[in-house]
Protein backbone atom coordinates (compact mmCIF):
# COMPACT_ATOMS: atom_id res chain seq x y z
CA MET A 1 -79.20 -99.48 6.78
CA ASP A 2 -82.50 -97.62 6.96
CA PRO A 3 -81.82 -93.99 5.91
CA GLU A 4 -84.79 -92.80 7.95
CA ILE A 5 -83.32 -94.20 11.17
CA VAL A 6 -79.55 -94.32 10.62
CA PHE A 7 -77.84 -91.98 8.17
CA LYS A 8 -74.31 -90.79 8.88
CA GLY A 9 -73.52 -89.47 5.43
CA VAL A 10 -73.74 -85.96 3.99
CA LYS A 11 -75.95 -84.47 1.28
CA LYS A 12 -73.92 -85.88 -1.64
CA ASP A 13 -74.28 -89.36 -0.15
CA TYR A 14 -78.04 -88.94 0.23
CA ASP A 15 -78.20 -87.58 -3.32
CA ARG A 16 -76.49 -90.75 -4.53
CA ILE A 17 -79.31 -92.82 -3.05
CA SER A 18 -81.93 -90.48 -4.54
CA PHE A 19 -80.28 -90.60 -7.98
CA GLN A 20 -80.22 -94.40 -7.93
CA LEU A 21 -83.83 -94.43 -6.77
CA GLY A 22 -84.75 -92.36 -9.84
CA GLN A 23 -82.88 -94.85 -12.01
CA THR A 24 -84.74 -97.73 -10.37
CA ILE A 25 -88.12 -96.10 -11.05
CA ALA A 26 -87.15 -95.85 -14.73
CA LYS A 27 -86.12 -99.53 -14.81
CA LEU A 28 -89.33 -100.64 -13.08
CA SER A 29 -91.34 -98.76 -15.72
CA GLU A 30 -90.21 -101.35 -18.27
CA ILE A 31 -92.23 -104.00 -16.40
CA THR A 32 -95.74 -103.61 -17.82
CA PHE A 33 -99.14 -105.19 -17.23
CA ASN A 34 -102.63 -105.46 -18.62
CA LYS A 35 -105.18 -103.17 -16.99
CA PHE A 36 -104.48 -100.66 -14.25
CA GLY A 37 -104.52 -100.01 -10.51
CA ARG A 38 -104.27 -102.51 -7.68
CA PHE A 39 -103.63 -106.07 -8.78
CA ASP A 40 -106.47 -108.57 -8.96
CA GLU A 41 -106.01 -110.85 -5.94
CA ASN A 42 -107.58 -113.92 -7.54
CA GLU A 43 -105.33 -113.59 -10.59
CA ALA A 44 -102.28 -113.00 -8.40
CA LEU A 45 -102.94 -116.32 -6.67
CA LYS A 46 -102.69 -117.90 -10.14
CA ASN A 47 -99.32 -116.16 -10.63
CA ASN A 48 -100.82 -113.52 -12.97
CA LEU A 49 -100.42 -109.81 -12.26
CA ILE A 50 -103.35 -107.98 -13.82
CA GLY A 51 -104.83 -104.65 -12.77
CA THR A 52 -108.43 -104.26 -11.63
CA LYS A 53 -109.32 -101.15 -13.68
CA ASN A 54 -109.91 -101.09 -17.43
CA ASN A 55 -108.37 -97.64 -17.86
CA HIS A 56 -105.83 -95.58 -15.97
CA TYR A 57 -108.13 -92.64 -15.28
CA ASP A 58 -110.54 -94.89 -13.35
CA TYR A 59 -107.66 -95.90 -11.09
CA ILE A 60 -106.48 -92.33 -10.51
CA VAL A 61 -109.95 -91.18 -9.42
CA THR A 62 -110.71 -94.25 -7.28
CA GLU A 63 -112.45 -92.97 -4.12
CA LEU A 64 -111.46 -89.40 -5.03
CA GLU A 65 -114.89 -87.92 -4.43
CA SER A 66 -115.44 -89.71 -1.11
CA SER A 67 -111.92 -88.73 0.04
CA LEU A 68 -112.54 -85.08 -0.74
CA GLU A 69 -115.88 -85.17 1.07
CA PHE A 70 -114.16 -86.70 4.10
CA ILE A 71 -111.48 -83.99 4.13
CA GLY A 72 -114.18 -81.35 3.68
CA LYS A 73 -116.21 -82.64 6.62
CA SER A 74 -113.04 -82.50 8.70
CA GLY A 75 -112.79 -78.79 7.91
CA HIS A 76 -109.68 -78.86 5.71
CA LEU A 77 -111.29 -78.20 2.31
CA THR A 78 -114.16 -75.93 1.31
CA ALA A 79 -117.05 -76.97 -0.92
CA VAL A 80 -115.69 -74.63 -3.61
CA GLN A 81 -112.25 -76.25 -3.45
CA ILE A 82 -113.75 -79.73 -3.68
CA LYS A 83 -115.75 -78.77 -6.74
CA LYS A 84 -112.65 -77.32 -8.43
CA ILE A 85 -110.56 -80.40 -7.65
CA LEU A 86 -113.17 -82.75 -9.11
CA LYS A 87 -113.37 -80.59 -12.22
CA LEU A 88 -109.57 -80.58 -12.50
CA PHE A 89 -109.38 -84.37 -12.53
CA ASN A 90 -112.32 -84.69 -14.89
CA ASN A 91 -110.56 -82.36 -17.32
CA SER A 92 -107.35 -84.41 -17.05
CA LYS A 93 -108.65 -87.65 -18.60
CA LYS A 94 -106.56 -87.28 -21.73
CA ILE A 95 -103.22 -86.56 -20.07
CA VAL A 96 -103.46 -89.57 -17.72
CA ASP A 97 -104.49 -91.96 -20.50
CA LEU A 98 -102.09 -94.92 -20.82
CA LYS A 99 -102.01 -97.87 -23.19
CA ARG A 100 -100.32 -100.08 -20.60
CA GLY A 101 -99.51 -99.72 -16.95
CA SER A 102 -96.02 -100.03 -15.48
CA LEU A 103 -94.88 -101.40 -12.14
CA VAL A 104 -95.20 -98.57 -9.60
CA HIS A 105 -94.15 -99.13 -5.98
CA TYR A 106 -96.09 -96.10 -4.69
CA ASP A 107 -94.60 -96.12 -1.18
CA LEU A 108 -90.98 -95.08 -1.67
CA ALA A 109 -90.51 -93.58 1.77
CA ASP A 110 -87.01 -93.70 3.28
CA HIS A 111 -88.08 -96.43 5.72
CA ASN A 112 -88.78 -98.70 2.74
CA LEU A 113 -85.23 -98.28 1.41
CA ARG A 114 -81.94 -99.78 2.52
CA TYR A 115 -78.52 -98.46 1.60
CA ASN A 116 -74.92 -99.62 1.87
CA PRO A 117 -73.30 -97.49 4.62
CA GLN A 118 -69.86 -97.75 2.98
CA THR A 119 -70.77 -96.88 -0.64
CA PHE A 120 -74.16 -95.18 -0.09
CA ASP A 121 -75.59 -97.28 -2.90
CA LEU A 122 -79.28 -98.09 -2.86
CA GLU A 123 -79.38 -101.79 -2.01
CA LEU A 124 -83.00 -102.71 -1.41
CA ILE A 125 -86.59 -101.59 -1.84
CA PHE A 126 -89.23 -103.51 0.06
CA ASP A 127 -92.84 -103.28 1.31
CA TRP A 128 -94.63 -103.74 -2.01
CA GLU A 129 -98.16 -103.90 -0.63
CA SER A 130 -99.12 -100.60 -2.31
CA ALA A 131 -97.71 -101.60 -5.71
CA VAL A 132 -99.95 -100.88 -8.70
CA SER A 133 -100.05 -100.95 -12.48
CA SER A 134 -99.83 -97.25 -13.27
CA ASP A 135 -97.66 -94.41 -14.56
CA PRO A 136 -94.00 -94.22 -13.39
CA MET A 137 -94.57 -90.49 -12.98
CA LEU A 138 -96.72 -91.46 -10.00
CA ASP A 139 -93.64 -92.71 -8.14
CA LEU A 140 -91.70 -89.59 -9.10
CA ALA A 141 -94.57 -87.39 -7.96
CA SER A 142 -95.19 -89.16 -4.66
CA CYS A 143 -91.57 -89.43 -3.45
CA PRO A 144 -91.27 -85.79 -2.27
CA THR A 145 -94.49 -86.18 -0.25
CA TRP A 146 -92.55 -88.41 2.14
CA THR A 147 -90.20 -86.99 4.78
CA THR A 148 -86.64 -86.83 3.44
CA LEU A 149 -83.33 -85.70 4.94
CA TYR A 150 -82.58 -83.47 1.95
CA GLU A 151 -84.61 -82.23 -1.03
CA ARG A 152 -84.99 -85.23 -3.32
CA GLU A 153 -87.08 -84.34 -6.37
CA LYS A 154 -84.43 -82.77 -8.64
CA THR A 155 -81.94 -85.58 -8.06
CA LEU A 156 -84.67 -88.17 -8.51
CA LEU A 157 -85.59 -86.71 -11.90
CA LYS A 158 -81.93 -86.67 -12.96
CA GLY A 159 -81.62 -90.33 -12.06
CA TYR A 160 -84.72 -91.21 -14.05
CA GLN A 161 -83.50 -89.21 -17.06
CA SER A 162 -80.15 -91.03 -17.02
CA ILE A 163 -82.09 -94.16 -17.98
CA LYS A 164 -85.21 -92.97 -19.74
CA LYS A 165 -86.64 -89.81 -21.31
CA LEU A 166 -89.31 -87.98 -19.37
CA PRO A 167 -92.61 -87.41 -21.23
CA ASP A 168 -93.07 -83.89 -22.60
CA ASN A 169 -95.92 -83.24 -20.16
CA TYR A 170 -94.16 -84.79 -17.17
CA GLN A 171 -94.55 -81.70 -14.97
CA ASP A 172 -98.31 -81.57 -15.53
CA LEU A 173 -98.53 -85.26 -14.65
CA ILE A 174 -96.36 -84.87 -11.57
CA ASN A 175 -98.44 -81.93 -10.30
CA LEU A 176 -101.67 -83.89 -10.77
CA TYR A 177 -100.37 -87.14 -9.29
CA ARG A 178 -98.82 -85.33 -6.34
CA LEU A 179 -102.16 -83.75 -5.52
CA ARG A 180 -103.85 -87.15 -5.77
CA THR A 181 -101.22 -88.68 -3.48
CA VAL A 182 -101.49 -85.90 -0.91
CA ILE A 183 -105.28 -86.28 -0.86
CA TRP A 184 -105.15 -89.94 0.13
CA LYS A 185 -102.38 -89.23 2.65
CA ILE A 186 -104.45 -86.46 4.28
CA VAL A 187 -107.36 -88.89 4.62
CA HIS A 188 -104.99 -91.36 6.29
CA ASN A 189 -103.59 -88.62 8.56
CA ILE A 190 -107.06 -87.56 9.70
CA ARG A 191 -108.24 -91.13 10.34
CA PHE A 192 -105.20 -91.96 12.43
CA GLY A 193 -105.20 -88.64 14.31
CA ILE A 194 -101.81 -87.53 13.01
CA ILE A 195 -102.89 -84.52 10.95
CA ASN A 196 -100.79 -81.43 11.59
CA GLU A 197 -99.83 -78.12 10.01
CA LYS A 198 -96.83 -79.61 8.20
CA ARG A 199 -99.00 -82.21 6.47
CA LEU A 200 -101.74 -79.70 5.66
CA LYS A 201 -99.06 -77.46 4.13
CA LYS A 202 -98.30 -80.22 1.60
CA LEU A 203 -101.96 -80.19 0.59
CA SER A 204 -102.04 -76.42 0.17
CA ASN A 205 -98.78 -76.51 -1.83
CA ALA A 206 -100.18 -79.21 -4.13
CA LEU A 207 -103.31 -77.12 -4.69
CA LEU A 208 -101.30 -73.97 -5.42
CA HIS A 209 -100.11 -75.44 -8.75
CA PHE A 210 -103.73 -75.29 -9.89
CA ASN A 211 -104.65 -72.01 -8.18
CA ILE A 212 -107.12 -73.80 -5.92
């Protein structure tokens, strides 16, 4: 069943799904690729999954400046904030540096999950069109940006840690990746006319970690 549409369990049942989702993110991180970002379509047609960016930083900042300008013109960011955000990412080149990218789903919303209504086990993850070669912390960071029935992040991290050790700077990475995720989601929200106070609050919360 789709937990976003039909969920008759309680918090511990939802936590079970979240824990297993964290475990799955850790397992997916063992699938690695050359290069970073979205997969090269021509290579994919040859049955080769190869990223389109030579380094991870270039993927993380793809369209960042134009996205910030778009949000600014819509009245939701000031010129000062935009300047600070660009500086923040520029100063983060070292911490986002990766030797190899891992399989990242990057759209782990509840409607892309299916669970067993008897056991509350996570059964299926689908809709892989946003999948990239990146940092597994990106999936951990982006999950709480989606609407959930209960708070998910702590349980998600526990699930991940049951399989794999978190990097020492995981919180810095999560804060940065969450901001990046919220930025592209705000652009999407504005373009489709679904921007609201709740979504803007996620942007302001993401910026608070950096005093912006």
